[in-house]
């Protein structure tokens, strides 16, 4: 499954951390995000995995927006293990 971000803007409230990022993560390959502290790596992962919505732009999984897909369908093909895991309520 190919993952892609197109003209992605991500951040918190109105504070933009990632500006106009276009990224393609090929299926079947290992991809690493490397960068200094506070450069936006975690923000990018949270936006790609639908933990937070993009401020602008799209995050796609096999051509469909991850923010518009059914949660159960998405969970079968996308997962994240955060640094500080916590179980969702309910």
PDB file of N, CA and C in Angstrom:
ATOM      1  N   UNK A   1       0.837  -1.180   0.000  1.00  0.00           N
ATOM      2  CA  UNK A   1       0.000   0.000   0.000  1.00  0.00           C
ATOM      3  C   UNK A   1       0.880   1.240   0.000  1.00  0.00           C
ATOM      4  N   UNK A   2       0.619   2.104  -0.920  1.00  0.00           N
ATOM      5  CA  UNK A   2       1.407   3.321  -1.013  1.00  0.00           C
ATOM      6  C   UNK A   2       0.782   4.425  -0.177  1.00  0.00           C
ATOM      7  N   UNK A   3       1.625   5.122   0.566  1.00  0.00           N
ATOM      8  CA  UNK A   3       1.192   6.268   1.358  1.00  0.00           C
ATOM      9  C   UNK A   3       1.767   7.513   0.727  1.00  0.00           C
ATOM     10  N   UNK A   4       0.981   8.569   0.776  1.00  0.00           N
ATOM     11  CA  UNK A   4       1.401   9.801   0.108  1.00  0.00           C
ATOM     12  C   UNK A   4       0.828  11.004   0.830  1.00  0.00           C
ATOM     13  N   UNK A   5       1.603  12.056   0.893  1.00  0.00           N
ATOM     14  CA  UNK A   5       1.134  13.351   1.386  1.00  0.00           C
ATOM     15  C   UNK A   5       1.301  14.342   0.246  1.00  0.00           C
ATOM     16  N   UNK A   6       0.270  15.142   0.031  1.00  0.00           N
ATOM     17  CA  UNK A   6       0.309  16.137  -1.045  1.00  0.00           C
ATOM     18  C   UNK A   6       0.054  17.526  -0.482  1.00  0.00           C
ATOM     19  N   UNK A   7       1.027  18.388  -0.676  1.00  0.00           N
ATOM     20  CA  UNK A   7       0.917  19.795  -0.247  1.00  0.00           C
ATOM     21  C   UNK A   7       0.403  19.881   1.192  1.00  0.00           C
ATOM     22  N   UNK A   8       1.017  19.085   2.065  1.00  0.00           N
ATOM     23  CA  UNK A   8       0.582  18.960   3.452  1.00  0.00           C
ATOM     24  C   UNK A   8       1.091  20.111   4.309  1.00  0.00           C
ATOM     25  N   UNK A   9       0.176  20.688   5.054  1.00  0.00           N
ATOM     26  CA  UNK A   9       0.489  21.653   6.097  1.00  0.00           C
ATOM     27  C   UNK A   9      -0.005  21.020   7.389  1.00  0.00           C
ATOM     28  N   UNK A  10       0.858  20.941   8.395  1.00  0.00           N
ATOM     29  CA  UNK A  10       0.472  20.315   9.656  1.00  0.00           C
ATOM     30  C   UNK A  10       1.013  21.128  10.810  1.00  0.00           C
ATOM     31  N   UNK A  11       0.301  21.057  11.918  1.00  0.00           N
ATOM     32  CA  UNK A  11       0.719  21.778  13.113  1.00  0.00           C
ATOM     33  C   UNK A  11      -0.386  21.713  14.144  1.00  0.00           C
ATOM     34  N   UNK A  12      -0.366  22.660  15.045  1.00  0.00           N
ATOM     35  CA  UNK A  12      -1.312  22.689  16.155  1.00  0.00           C
ATOM     36  C   UNK A  12      -2.002  24.053  16.187  1.00  0.00           C
ATOM     37  N   UNK A  13      -3.324  24.013  16.278  1.00  0.00           N
ATOM     38  CA  UNK A  13      -4.135  25.226  16.211  1.00  0.00           C
ATOM     39  C   UNK A  13      -3.777  25.965  14.919  1.00  0.00           C
ATOM     40  N   UNK A  14      -3.292  27.167  15.020  1.00  0.00           N
ATOM     41  CA  UNK A  14      -2.883  27.907  13.819  1.00  0.00           C
ATOM     42  C   UNK A  14      -1.365  27.991  13.677  1.00  0.00           C
ATOM     43  N   UNK A  15      -0.647  27.217  14.483  1.00  0.00           N
ATOM     44  CA  UNK A  15       0.817  27.207  14.431  1.00  0.00           C
ATOM     45  C   UNK A  15       1.259  26.140  13.430  1.00  0.00           C
ATOM     46  N   UNK A  16       1.724  26.566  12.274  1.00  0.00           N
ATOM     47  CA  UNK A  16       2.138  25.648  11.214  1.00  0.00           C
ATOM     48  C   UNK A  16       3.570  25.185  11.483  1.00  0.00           C
ATOM     49  N   UNK A  17       3.764  23.868  11.527  1.00  0.00           N
ATOM     50  CA  UNK A  17       5.086  23.283  11.736  1.00  0.00           C
ATOM     51  C   UNK A  17       5.624  22.719  10.424  1.00  0.00           C
ATOM     52  N   UNK A  18       4.762  22.116   9.635  1.00  0.00           N
ATOM     53  CA  UNK A  18       5.146  21.538   8.345  1.00  0.00           C
ATOM     54  C   UNK A  18       4.442  22.336   7.262  1.00  0.00           C
ATOM     55  N   UNK A  19       5.201  22.830   6.286  1.00  0.00           N
ATOM     56  CA  UNK A  19       4.652  23.676   5.220  1.00  0.00           C
ATOM     57  C   UNK A  19       4.854  23.033   3.851  1.00  0.00           C
ATOM     58  N   UNK A  20       3.758  22.799   3.171  1.00  0.00           N
ATOM     59  CA  UNK A  20       3.751  22.365   1.770  1.00  0.00           C
ATOM     60  C   UNK A  20       4.652  21.152   1.510  1.00  0.00           C
ATOM     61  N   UNK A  21       4.481  20.103   2.310  1.00  0.00           N
ATOM     62  CA  UNK A  21       5.265  18.881   2.164  1.00  0.00           C
ATOM     63  C   UNK A  21       4.577  17.927   1.199  1.00  0.00           C
ATOM     64  N   UNK A  22       5.311  17.459   0.213  1.00  0.00           N
ATOM     65  CA  UNK A  22       4.844  16.398  -0.665  1.00  0.00           C
ATOM     66  C   UNK A  22       5.800  15.225  -0.459  1.00  0.00           C
ATOM     67  N   UNK A  23       5.221  14.064  -0.142  1.00  0.00           N
ATOM     68  CA  UNK A  23       6.005  12.910   0.261  1.00  0.00           C
ATOM     69  C   UNK A  23       5.341  11.645  -0.257  1.00  0.00           C
ATOM     70  N   UNK A  24       6.136  10.713  -0.740  1.00  0.00           N
ATOM     71  CA  UNK A  24       5.611   9.408  -1.161  1.00  0.00           C
ATOM     72  C   UNK A  24       6.410   8.338  -0.429  1.00  0.00           C
ATOM     73  N   UNK A  25       5.694   7.457   0.278  1.00  0.00           N
ATOM     74  CA  UNK A  25       6.317   6.336   0.980  1.00  0.00           C
ATOM     75  C   UNK A  25       5.951   5.077   0.205  1.00  0.00           C
ATOM     76  N   UNK A  26       6.921   4.470  -0.479  1.00  0.00           N
ATOM     77  CA  UNK A  26       6.610   3.326  -1.336  1.00  0.00           C
ATOM     78  C   UNK A  26       6.246   2.074  -0.537  1.00  0.00           C
ATOM     79  N   UNK A  27       5.363   1.273  -1.092  1.00  0.00           N
ATOM     80  CA  UNK A  27       4.961   0.010  -0.480  1.00  0.00           C
ATOM     81  C   UNK A  27       6.138  -0.953  -0.456  1.00  0.00           C
ATOM     82  N   UNK A  28       6.234  -1.722   0.617  1.00  0.00           N
ATOM     83  CA  UNK A  28       7.256  -2.746   0.707  1.00  0.00           C
ATOM     84  C   UNK A  28       8.656  -2.252   0.989  1.00  0.00           C
ATOM     85  N   UNK A  29       8.802  -1.004   1.355  1.00  0.00           N
ATOM     86  CA  UNK A  29      10.120  -0.423   1.636  1.00  0.00           C
ATOM     87  C   UNK A  29      10.159   0.092   3.072  1.00  0.00           C
ATOM     88  N   UNK A  30      11.330   0.159   3.643  1.00  0.00           N
ATOM     89  CA  UNK A  30      11.522   0.748   4.955  1.00  0.00           C
ATOM     90  C   UNK A  30      11.843   2.221   4.757  1.00  0.00           C
ATOM     91  N   UNK A  31      11.142   3.070   5.482  1.00  0.00           N
ATOM     92  CA  UNK A  31      11.344   4.510   5.375  1.00  0.00           C
ATOM     93  C   UNK A  31      11.662   5.060   6.756  1.00  0.00           C
ATOM     94  N   UNK A  32      12.665   5.900   6.865  1.00  0.00           N
ATOM     95  CA  UNK A  32      13.058   6.501   8.142  1.00  0.00           C
ATOM     96  C   UNK A  32      12.880   8.010   8.078  1.00  0.00           C
ATOM     97  N   UNK A  33      12.410   8.581   9.176  1.00  0.00           N
ATOM     98  CA  UNK A  33      12.339  10.035   9.321  1.00  0.00           C
ATOM     99  C   UNK A  33      13.456  10.440  10.260  1.00  0.00           C
ATOM    100  N   UNK A  34      14.349  11.262   9.779  1.00  0.00           N
ATOM    101  CA  UNK A  34      15.509  11.673  10.555  1.00  0.00           C
ATOM    102  C   UNK A  34      15.541  13.188  10.611  1.00  0.00           C
ATOM    103  N   UNK A  35      15.761  13.724  11.793  1.00  0.00           N
ATOM    104  CA  UNK A  35      15.867  15.163  11.918  1.00  0.00           C
ATOM    105  C   UNK A  35      16.101  15.577  13.355  1.00  0.00           C
ATOM    106  N   UNK A  36      16.400  16.832  13.538  1.00  0.00           N
ATOM    107  CA  UNK A  36      16.663  17.389  14.865  1.00  0.00           C
ATOM    108  C   UNK A  36      15.386  17.398  15.704  1.00  0.00           C
ATOM    109  N   UNK A  37      15.564  17.547  17.015  1.00  0.00           N
ATOM    110  CA  UNK A  37      14.413  17.688  17.898  1.00  0.00           C
ATOM    111  C   UNK A  37      13.568  18.877  17.463  1.00  0.00           C
ATOM    112  N   UNK A  38      12.270  18.738  17.570  1.00  0.00           N
ATOM    113  CA  UNK A  38      11.315  19.814  17.260  1.00  0.00           C
ATOM    114  C   UNK A  38      11.311  20.233  15.799  1.00  0.00           C
ATOM    115  N   UNK A  39      11.648  19.330  14.881  1.00  0.00           N
ATOM    116  CA  UNK A  39      11.609  19.705  13.463  1.00  0.00           C
ATOM    117  C   UNK A  39      10.316  19.246  12.784  1.00  0.00           C
ATOM    118  N   UNK A  40       9.462  18.470  13.493  1.00  0.00           N
ATOM    119  CA  UNK A  40       8.166  18.094  12.935  1.00  0.00           C
ATOM    120  C   UNK A  40       7.986  16.617  12.638  1.00  0.00           C
ATOM    121  N   UNK A  41       8.911  15.753  13.038  1.00  0.00           N
ATOM    122  CA  UNK A  41       8.790  14.318  12.751  1.00  0.00           C
ATOM    123  C   UNK A  41       7.535  13.724  13.380  1.00  0.00           C
ATOM    124  N   UNK A  42       7.321  13.976  14.669  1.00  0.00           N
ATOM    125  CA  UNK A  42       6.139  13.432  15.361  1.00  0.00           C
ATOM    126  C   UNK A  42       4.853  14.048  14.827  1.00  0.00           C
ATOM    127  N   UNK A  43       4.885  15.313  14.511  1.00  0.00           N
ATOM    128  CA  UNK A  43       3.711  15.976  13.937  1.00  0.00           C
ATOM    129  C   UNK A  43       3.353  15.347  12.598  1.00  0.00           C
ATOM    130  N   UNK A  44       4.347  15.054  11.780  1.00  0.00           N
ATOM    131  CA  UNK A  44       4.103  14.393  10.500  1.00  0.00           C
ATOM    132  C   UNK A  44       3.488  13.020  10.713  1.00  0.00           C
ATOM    133  N   UNK A  45       4.057  12.222  11.608  1.00  0.00           N
ATOM    134  CA  UNK A  45       3.518  10.882  11.859  1.00  0.00           C
ATOM    135  C   UNK A  45       2.086  10.942  12.387  1.00  0.00           C
ATOM    136  N   UNK A  46       1.797  11.852  13.292  1.00  0.00           N
ATOM    137  CA  UNK A  46       0.434  11.992  13.824  1.00  0.00           C
ATOM    138  C   UNK A  46      -0.548  12.379  12.732  1.00  0.00           C
ATOM    139  N   UNK A  47      -0.111  13.208  11.811  1.00  0.00           N
ATOM    140  CA  UNK A  47      -0.996  13.639  10.724  1.00  0.00           C
ATOM    141  C   UNK A  47      -1.186  12.513   9.717  1.00  0.00           C
ATOM    142  N   UNK A  48      -0.127  11.793   9.384  1.00  0.00           N
ATOM    143  CA  UNK A  48      -0.233  10.667   8.451  1.00  0.00           C
ATOM    144  C   UNK A  48      -1.133   9.575   9.010  1.00  0.00           C
ATOM    145  N   UNK A  49      -1.057   9.344  10.322  1.00  0.00           N
ATOM    146  CA  UNK A  49      -1.824   8.263  10.950  1.00  0.00           C
ATOM    147  C   UNK A  49      -3.187   8.696  11.457  1.00  0.00           C
ATOM    148  N   UNK A  50      -3.601   9.898  11.132  1.00  0.00           N
ATOM    149  CA  UNK A  50      -4.945  10.390  11.437  1.00  0.00           C
ATOM    150  C   UNK A  50      -5.176  10.694  12.910  1.00  0.00           C
ATOM    151  N   UNK A  51      -4.118  10.843  13.673  1.00  0.00           N
ATOM    152  CA  UNK A  51      -4.276  11.242  15.066  1.00  0.00           C
ATOM    153  C   UNK A  51      -4.667  12.711  15.137  1.00  0.00           C
ATOM    154  N   UNK A  52      -4.168  13.500  14.189  1.00  0.00           N
ATOM    155  CA  UNK A  52      -4.574  14.905  14.086  1.00  0.00           C
ATOM    156  C   UNK A  52      -4.841  15.220  12.621  1.00  0.00           C
ATOM    157  N   UNK A  53      -5.781  16.113  12.371  1.00  0.00           N
ATOM    158  CA  UNK A  53      -6.097  16.453  10.985  1.00  0.00           C
ATOM    159  C   UNK A  53      -5.048  17.387  10.387  1.00  0.00           C
ATOM    160  N   UNK A  54      -4.879  17.336   9.075  1.00  0.00           N
ATOM    161  CA  UNK A  54      -3.966  18.292   8.445  1.00  0.00           C
ATOM    162  C   UNK A  54      -4.575  19.693   8.491  1.00  0.00           C
ATOM    163  N   UNK A  55      -3.741  20.701   8.558  1.00  0.00           N
ATOM    164  CA  UNK A  55      -4.229  22.071   8.473  1.00  0.00           C
ATOM    165  C   UNK A  55      -4.635  22.382   7.038  1.00  0.00           C
ATOM    166  N   UNK A  56      -3.939  21.731   6.093  1.00  0.00           N
ATOM    167  CA  UNK A  56      -4.203  21.922   4.671  1.00  0.00           C
ATOM    168  C   UNK A  56      -3.523  20.771   3.935  1.00  0.00           C
ATOM    169  N   UNK A  57      -4.021  20.405   2.789  1.00  0.00           N
ATOM    170  CA  UNK A  57      -3.421  19.340   2.005  1.00  0.00           C
ATOM    171  C   UNK A  57      -4.089  17.999   2.250  1.00  0.00           C
ATOM    172  N   UNK A  58      -3.464  16.939   1.736  1.00  0.00           N
ATOM    173  CA  UNK A  58      -4.052  15.608   1.808  1.00  0.00           C
ATOM    174  C   UNK A  58      -3.035  14.573   2.260  1.00  0.00           C
ATOM    175  N   UNK A  59      -3.539  13.556   2.972  1.00  0.00           N
ATOM    176  CA  UNK A  59      -2.772  12.357   3.281  1.00  0.00           C
ATOM    177  C   UNK A  59      -3.541  11.208   2.646  1.00  0.00           C
ATOM    178  N   UNK A  60      -2.875  10.473   1.761  1.00  0.00           N
ATOM    179  CA  UNK A  60      -3.549   9.427   0.987  1.00  0.00           C
ATOM    180  C   UNK A  60      -2.962   8.055   1.278  1.00  0.00           C
ATOM    181  N   UNK A  61      -3.830   7.055   1.278  1.00  0.00           N
ATOM    182  CA  UNK A  61      -3.444   5.656   1.372  1.00  0.00           C
ATOM    183  C   UNK A  61      -4.105   4.952   0.202  1.00  0.00           C
ATOM    184  N   UNK A  62      -3.298   4.481  -0.719  1.00  0.00           N
ATOM    185  CA  UNK A  62      -3.795   3.877  -1.962  1.00  0.00           C
ATOM    186  C   UNK A  62      -4.787   4.776  -2.684  1.00  0.00           C
ATOM    187  N   UNK A  63      -4.490   6.069  -2.707  1.00  0.00           N
ATOM    188  CA  UNK A  63      -5.275   7.022  -3.472  1.00  0.00           C
ATOM    189  C   UNK A  63      -6.456   7.631  -2.745  1.00  0.00           C
ATOM    190  N   UNK A  64      -6.819   7.112  -1.558  1.00  0.00           N
ATOM    191  CA  UNK A  64      -7.954   7.652  -0.804  1.00  0.00           C
ATOM    192  C   UNK A  64      -7.485   8.388   0.440  1.00  0.00           C
ATOM    193  N   UNK A  65      -8.171   9.450   0.803  1.00  0.00           N
ATOM    194  CA  UNK A  65      -7.809  10.248   1.967  1.00  0.00           C
ATOM    195  C   UNK A  65      -7.955   9.434   3.251  1.00  0.00           C
ATOM    196  N   UNK A  66      -6.905   9.385   4.082  1.00  0.00           N
ATOM    197  CA  UNK A  66      -6.992   8.650   5.342  1.00  0.00           C
ATOM    198  C   UNK A  66      -7.975   9.317   6.302  1.00  0.00           C
ATOM    199  N   UNK A  67      -8.195  10.615   6.150  1.00  0.00           N
ATOM    200  CA  UNK A  67      -9.103  11.323   7.041  1.00  0.00           C
ATOM    201  C   UNK A  67     -10.568  11.155   6.650  1.00  0.00           C
ATOM    202  N   UNK A  68     -10.835  10.499   5.539  1.00  0.00           N
ATOM    203  CA  UNK A  68     -12.206  10.251   5.105  1.00  0.00           C
ATOM    204  C   UNK A  68     -12.551   8.763   5.081  1.00  0.00           C
ATOM    205  N   UNK A  69     -11.570   7.895   5.352  1.00  0.00           N
ATOM    206  CA  UNK A  69     -11.806   6.452   5.303  1.00  0.00           C
ATOM    207  C   UNK A  69     -12.442   5.950   6.592  1.00  0.00           C
ATOM    208  N   UNK A  70     -13.146   4.829   6.475  1.00  0.00           N
ATOM    209  CA  UNK A  70     -13.749   4.162   7.621  1.00  0.00           C
ATOM    210  C   UNK A  70     -12.639   3.732   8.585  1.00  0.00           C
ATOM    211  N   UNK A  71     -12.828   3.966   9.874  1.00  0.00           N
ATOM    212  CA  UNK A  71     -11.800   3.678  10.870  1.00  0.00           C
ATOM    213  C   UNK A  71     -11.414   2.204  10.900  1.00  0.00           C
ATOM    214  N   UNK A  72     -12.370   1.312  10.774  1.00  0.00           N
ATOM    215  CA  UNK A  72     -12.056  -0.121  10.815  1.00  0.00           C
ATOM    216  C   UNK A  72     -11.245  -0.543   9.607  1.00  0.00           C
ATOM    217  N   UNK A  73     -11.586  -0.040   8.444  1.00  0.00           N
ATOM    218  CA  UNK A  73     -10.830  -0.379   7.240  1.00  0.00           C
ATOM    219  C   UNK A  73      -9.412   0.152   7.338  1.00  0.00           C
ATOM    220  N   UNK A  74      -9.287   1.375   7.825  1.00  0.00           N
ATOM    221  CA  UNK A  74      -7.981   1.992   7.958  1.00  0.00           C
ATOM    222  C   UNK A  74      -7.115   1.247   8.977  1.00  0.00           C
ATOM    223  N   UNK A  75      -7.722   0.797  10.077  1.00  0.00           N
ATOM    224  CA  UNK A  75      -6.976   0.087  11.119  1.00  0.00           C
ATOM    225  C   UNK A  75      -6.383  -1.225  10.631  1.00  0.00           C
ATOM    226  N   UNK A  76      -6.955  -1.798   9.596  1.00  0.00           N
ATOM    227  CA  UNK A  76      -6.422  -3.057   9.073  1.00  0.00           C
ATOM    228  C   UNK A  76      -5.163  -2.850   8.234  1.00  0.00           C
ATOM    229  N   UNK A  77      -4.849  -1.603   7.900  1.00  0.00           N
ATOM    230  CA  UNK A  77      -3.682  -1.371   7.049  1.00  0.00           C
ATOM    231  C   UNK A  77      -2.738  -0.285   7.571  1.00  0.00           C
ATOM    232  N   UNK A  78      -3.052   0.323   8.700  1.00  0.00           N
ATOM    233  CA  UNK A  78      -2.238   1.424   9.204  1.00  0.00           C
ATOM    234  C   UNK A  78      -2.232   1.391  10.725  1.00  0.00           C
ATOM    235  N   UNK A  79      -1.046   1.496  11.331  1.00  0.00           N
ATOM    236  CA  UNK A  79      -0.935   1.499  12.790  1.00  0.00           C
ATOM    237  C   UNK A  79       0.244   2.367  13.202  1.00  0.00           C
ATOM    238  N   UNK A  80       0.212   2.804  14.453  1.00  0.00           N
ATOM    239  CA  UNK A  80       1.310   3.589  15.009  1.00  0.00           C
ATOM    240  C   UNK A  80       1.478   3.208  16.474  1.00  0.00           C
ATOM    241  N   UNK A  81       2.710   3.178  16.936  1.00  0.00           N
ATOM    242  CA  UNK A  81       3.030   2.958  18.336  1.00  0.00           C
ATOM    243  C   UNK A  81       3.732   4.219  18.819  1.00  0.00           C
ATOM    244  N   UNK A  82       3.019   5.083  19.543  1.00  0.00           N
ATOM    245  CA  UNK A  82       3.617   6.352  19.985  1.00  0.00           C
ATOM    246  C   UNK A  82       4.652   6.130  21.089  1.00  0.00           C
ATOM    247  N   UNK A  83       5.477   7.151  21.326  1.00  0.00           N
ATOM    248  CA  UNK A  83       6.497   7.076  22.365  1.00  0.00           C
ATOM    249  C   UNK A  83       5.883   6.894  23.741  1.00  0.00           C
ATOM    250  N   UNK A  84       4.738   7.517  23.970  1.00  0.00           N
ATOM    251  CA  UNK A  84       4.031   7.415  25.253  1.00  0.00           C
ATOM    252  C   UNK A  84       2.661   6.816  24.988  1.00  0.00           C
ATOM    253  N   UNK A  85       2.577   5.476  24.850  1.00  0.00           N
ATOM    254  CA  UNK A  85       1.299   4.862  24.493  1.00  0.00           C
ATOM    255  C   UNK A  85       0.267   5.028  25.606  1.00  0.00           C
ATOM    256  N   UNK A  86      -0.972   5.223  25.195  1.00  0.00           N
ATOM    257  CA  UNK A  86      -2.098   5.264  26.128  1.00  0.00           C
ATOM    258  C   UNK A  86      -3.295   4.639  25.435  1.00  0.00           C
ATOM    259  N   UNK A  87      -4.090   3.928  26.198  1.00  0.00           N
ATOM    260  CA  UNK A  87      -5.263   3.251  25.629  1.00  0.00           C
ATOM    261  C   UNK A  87      -6.389   4.261  25.474  1.00  0.00           C
ATOM    262  N   UNK A  88      -7.135   4.154  24.357  1.00  0.00           N
ATOM    263  CA  UNK A  88      -8.277   5.062  24.167  1.00  0.00           C
ATOM    264  C   UNK A  88      -9.377   4.738  25.158  1.00  0.00           C
ATOM    265  N   UNK A  89     -10.167   5.740  25.510  1.00  0.00           N
ATOM    266  CA  UNK A  89     -11.286   5.538  26.414  1.00  0.00           C
ATOM    267  C   UNK A  89     -12.337   4.609  25.839  1.00  0.00           C
ATOM    268  N   UNK A  90     -13.017   3.871  26.708  1.00  0.00           N
ATOM    269  CA  UNK A  90     -14.094   2.987  26.261  1.00  0.00           C
ATOM    270  C   UNK A  90     -13.577   1.675  25.776  1.00  0.00           C
TER     271      UNK A  90
END
